Amino acid sequence: MKQTAELSVLGDYSFDEKTINIHPNDGYDIGLMTSSHVVKIYAGCTAQEFADGTASHIFGTLYLKNECRMGTVEMSLKTAEKLGKVRKVRLVLADADDKYGKLLIQPS
């Protein structure tokens, strides 16, 4: 599993729940090089539930965008509320058994 450094959360109504945006340099920290990745998004669960695969998830897309400020993660306000409106998170990317990666949004 690879993880990013702490990222500031920007939650907004303009983003849907299936979209996460980060800067390409932050994506490099978790081994991502191309502009978009379909992932299983886990938010509001424990690391143990994430590792077991017992937590609920949604399929979404993680975009690497130069327009996104470095050190920031952009997500829907609904996702930010699931996390308890925290200001900082880490993204943890793990390989899954299928072709989609597993992305945990973990409060810091």
Protein backbone atom coordinates (compact mmCIF):
# COMPACT_ATOMS: atom_id res chain seq x y z
CA MET A 1 0.00 0.00 0.00
CA LYS A 2 1.20 3.47 -0.86
CA GLN A 3 0.01 6.71 0.69
CA THR A 4 0.24 10.43 0.08
CA ALA A 5 1.47 13.06 2.47
CA GLU A 6 -1.24 14.99 4.33
CA LEU A 7 -3.57 16.74 1.90
CA SER A 8 -5.87 19.67 2.65
CA VAL A 9 -9.53 18.89 1.95
CA LEU A 10 -11.56 21.04 -0.42
CA GLY A 11 -15.17 19.85 -0.31
CA ASP A 12 -17.59 21.47 -2.73
CA TYR A 13 -21.10 20.93 -4.09
CA SER A 14 -19.75 21.19 -7.66
CA PHE A 15 -17.97 17.82 -7.35
CA ASP A 16 -19.92 14.59 -7.49
CA GLU A 17 -19.34 11.75 -5.04
CA LYS A 18 -17.56 9.66 -7.67
CA THR A 19 -14.84 12.24 -8.41
CA ILE A 20 -11.60 12.88 -6.52
CA ASN A 21 -9.04 15.39 -7.85
CA ILE A 22 -5.40 15.70 -6.78
CA HIS A 23 -2.28 17.32 -8.22
CA PRO A 24 -0.08 15.00 -10.37
CA ASN A 25 2.84 15.33 -7.92
CA ASP A 26 0.61 13.98 -5.14
CA GLY A 27 -0.46 11.16 -7.47
CA TYR A 28 3.19 10.29 -8.03
CA ASP A 29 3.51 9.61 -4.28
CA ILE A 30 1.07 6.72 -4.66
CA GLY A 31 2.51 5.47 -7.94
CA LEU A 32 0.03 7.05 -10.38
CA MET A 33 1.29 8.49 -13.64
CA THR A 34 -1.69 8.79 -16.00
CA SER A 35 -4.40 11.44 -15.77
CA SER A 36 -7.29 9.29 -14.50
CA HIS A 37 -7.81 6.03 -12.62
CA VAL A 38 -11.02 4.14 -11.86
CA VAL A 39 -10.88 3.08 -8.22
CA LYS A 40 -13.05 1.78 -5.41
CA ILE A 41 -13.41 4.74 -3.05
CA TYR A 42 -13.61 4.01 0.68
CA ALA A 43 -14.48 6.96 2.93
CA GLY A 44 -15.58 7.00 6.54
CA CYS A 45 -14.31 3.52 7.40
CA THR A 46 -11.48 2.18 9.53
CA ALA A 47 -8.18 0.92 8.15
CA GLN A 48 -9.14 -2.59 9.29
CA GLU A 49 -12.45 -2.51 7.38
CA PHE A 50 -10.54 -1.24 4.35
CA ALA A 51 -7.97 -4.05 4.56
CA ASP A 52 -10.69 -6.70 5.04
CA GLY A 53 -12.81 -5.32 2.22
CA THR A 54 -15.85 -5.29 4.53
CA ALA A 55 -16.49 -1.54 4.31
CA SER A 56 -18.87 -0.13 1.74
CA HIS A 57 -17.34 1.57 -1.29
CA ILE A 58 -18.32 3.31 -4.49
CA PHE A 59 -16.67 3.13 -7.86
CA GLY A 60 -15.25 6.48 -8.84
CA THR A 61 -12.45 8.19 -10.70
CA LEU A 62 -9.29 9.69 -9.26
CA TYR A 63 -8.10 12.48 -11.55
CA LEU A 64 -4.60 13.97 -11.59
CA LYS A 65 -5.12 17.61 -12.54
CA ASN A 66 -2.59 20.39 -12.81
CA GLU A 67 -5.41 22.82 -11.98
CA CYS A 68 -5.68 21.25 -8.53
CA ARG A 69 -3.34 22.89 -6.05
CA MET A 70 -0.47 20.72 -4.84
CA GLY A 71 -1.14 19.33 -1.37
CA THR A 72 -4.93 19.54 -1.83
CA VAL A 73 -7.60 16.94 -2.52
CA GLU A 74 -10.86 18.06 -4.12
CA MET A 75 -13.96 15.98 -3.37
CA SER A 76 -17.71 16.25 -3.03
CA LEU A 77 -19.11 17.88 0.06
CA LYS A 78 -20.98 14.62 0.79
CA THR A 79 -17.71 12.67 0.89
CA ALA A 80 -16.10 15.33 3.10
CA GLU A 81 -19.05 15.06 5.50
CA LYS A 82 -18.63 11.26 5.67
CA LEU A 83 -15.12 11.93 6.98
CA GLY A 84 -16.43 14.24 9.70
CA LYS A 85 -15.48 17.49 7.94
CA VAL A 86 -11.78 17.00 8.66
CA ARG A 87 -9.26 19.48 7.27
CA LYS A 88 -6.47 17.03 6.40
CA VAL A 89 -6.52 13.51 4.94
CA ARG A 90 -4.14 10.96 3.49
CA LEU A 91 -4.98 8.90 0.43
CA VAL A 92 -4.00 5.24 0.69
CA LEU A 93 -3.94 3.22 -2.53
CA ALA A 94 -3.91 -0.57 -2.39
CA ASP A 95 -4.08 -3.15 -5.15
CA ALA A 96 -7.32 -5.07 -5.31
CA ASP A 97 -8.03 -8.58 -6.55
CA ASP A 98 -9.70 -7.20 -9.65
CA LYS A 99 -8.45 -4.55 -12.08
CA TYR A 100 -9.54 -1.60 -9.92
CA GLY A 101 -7.40 -0.17 -7.15
CA LYS A 102 -8.75 0.48 -3.65
CA LEU A 103 -8.52 4.09 -2.44
CA LEU A 104 -8.96 4.87 1.25
CA ILE A 105 -9.53 8.48 2.23
CA GLN A 106 -8.12 8.49 5.76
CA PRO A 107 -8.44 11.46 8.14
CA SER A 108 -5.09 12.63 9.53
